[in-house]
Amino acid sequence: MKTQGKAPGPSRRALFRGQLLSKPIAVIGDGCLAEAGIVCRSCGDACPASAIRFRPRIGLPSQAIVSEAACTGCGECVGACPGDAVTLGAARHEAAS
C-alpha cells in the first residue's frame, strides 16, 4: 500500500553514505594554514565557482571565507587543501523561498 501525495525522502543507503538532505557546501576548519600564519590560497584557486574569497587581516594571512550562495558543493577545494582543513558539510543558512 503506497502513500500518495508525499514526496519520497532519501533512501537509507543514501543517508548511510553521508549524502546530506540539504545542499552540501565547503567548510573551512581550524586546520587552515592561514590560522597558523602561512599564506595559502589553494582552496580558492581550485574553486570553479569562485565561492571562496579571502578576507584581509592585519598581521595575519587572509582568512578564507565560503559564500554559501555561490558554493556548488563540488568538492574541488577539499582535495586542493594541503592542510586537510576543508570538508563538505550542510549549509548553515538555507535560502528563503
Protein backbone atom coordinates (compact mmCIF):
# COMPACT_ATOMS: atom_id res chain seq x y z
CA MET A 1 0.00 0.00 0.00
CA LYS A 2 1.56 3.29 -1.15
CA THR A 3 1.11 6.67 0.46
CA GLN A 4 0.12 9.26 -2.11
CA GLY A 5 0.79 12.97 -2.07
CA LYS A 6 4.08 12.71 -0.19
CA ALA A 7 7.44 13.01 -1.94
CA PRO A 8 9.80 10.13 -1.15
CA GLY A 9 12.72 11.03 1.10
CA PRO A 10 16.28 9.88 0.67
CA SER A 11 16.94 6.18 0.87
CA ARG A 12 18.59 4.64 3.91
CA ARG A 13 21.54 3.81 1.69
CA ALA A 14 21.96 7.50 0.77
CA LEU A 15 21.85 8.51 4.42
CA PHE A 16 24.44 5.89 5.41
CA ARG A 17 26.71 7.06 2.61
CA GLY A 18 26.63 10.54 4.11
CA GLN A 19 24.55 12.18 1.41
CA LEU A 20 23.02 15.24 3.00
CA LEU A 21 19.40 16.29 2.94
CA SER A 22 20.43 19.90 2.35
CA LYS A 23 22.87 21.33 -0.16
CA PRO A 24 26.47 20.50 0.80
CA ILE A 25 28.93 23.37 0.97
CA ALA A 26 32.62 23.77 1.69
CA VAL A 27 33.50 24.26 5.35
CA ILE A 28 36.91 25.69 6.30
CA GLY A 29 38.13 24.17 9.57
CA ASP A 30 40.63 25.26 12.20
CA GLY A 31 43.43 23.39 10.41
CA CYS A 32 43.54 26.09 7.72
CA LEU A 33 47.16 27.10 7.14
CA ALA A 34 46.22 30.79 7.34
CA GLU A 35 45.34 30.24 11.01
CA ALA A 36 48.95 29.11 11.54
CA GLY A 37 50.27 32.25 9.83
CA ILE A 38 51.01 30.56 6.49
CA VAL A 39 49.83 32.19 3.26
CA CYS A 40 47.80 29.68 1.25
CA ARG A 41 45.04 30.17 -1.30
CA SER A 42 44.87 26.66 -2.73
CA CYS A 43 41.16 26.22 -1.98
CA GLY A 44 40.24 29.49 -3.67
CA ASP A 45 42.38 28.73 -6.70
CA ALA A 46 40.72 25.31 -7.10
CA CYS A 47 37.13 26.58 -6.77
CA PRO A 48 35.48 26.69 -10.22
CA ALA A 49 32.55 28.74 -8.85
CA SER A 50 34.81 31.36 -7.18
CA ALA A 51 32.85 30.73 -3.97
CA ILE A 52 35.89 31.10 -1.70
CA ARG A 53 37.04 34.64 -1.01
CA PHE A 54 39.86 35.87 1.19
CA ARG A 55 39.27 38.49 3.89
CA PRO A 56 42.39 40.57 4.67
CA ARG A 57 43.56 40.59 8.28
CA ILE A 58 46.14 42.85 9.90
CA GLY A 59 49.33 40.96 10.72
CA LEU A 60 47.99 37.61 9.50
CA PRO A 61 47.40 35.95 6.14
CA SER A 62 43.96 36.49 4.62
CA GLN A 63 41.16 34.32 6.01
CA ALA A 64 39.28 32.00 3.64
CA ILE A 65 35.52 32.66 3.61
CA VAL A 66 32.99 30.45 1.78
CA SER A 67 29.98 32.06 0.12
CA GLU A 68 27.16 29.62 0.83
CA ALA A 69 25.12 31.09 -2.01
CA ALA A 70 27.88 30.57 -4.58
CA CYS A 71 29.25 27.21 -3.38
CA THR A 72 28.06 24.31 -5.53
CA GLY A 73 29.42 21.60 -3.22
CA CYS A 74 31.63 20.16 -5.98
CA GLY A 75 34.47 19.35 -3.56
CA GLU A 76 37.34 20.61 -5.69
CA CYS A 77 38.60 22.66 -2.73
CA VAL A 78 38.69 19.61 -0.46
CA GLY A 79 41.36 17.84 -2.49
CA ALA A 80 43.32 21.03 -3.09
CA CYS A 81 43.78 21.90 0.60
CA PRO A 82 47.30 20.93 1.75
CA GLY A 83 46.23 21.13 5.41
CA ASP A 84 43.13 18.92 5.05
CA ALA A 85 41.14 21.77 6.58
CA VAL A 86 38.31 21.84 4.01
CA THR A 87 35.37 19.45 4.23
CA LEU A 88 31.87 19.33 2.79
CA GLY A 89 29.05 19.93 5.23
CA ALA A 90 25.48 21.13 5.45
CA ALA A 91 24.74 24.77 4.70
CA ARG A 92 24.12 26.81 7.83
CA HIS A 93 21.52 29.06 6.20
CA GLU A 94 19.12 27.74 3.58
CA ALA A 95 17.92 30.33 1.09
CA ALA A 96 14.49 31.68 1.97
CA SER A 97 11.80 30.95 -0.59
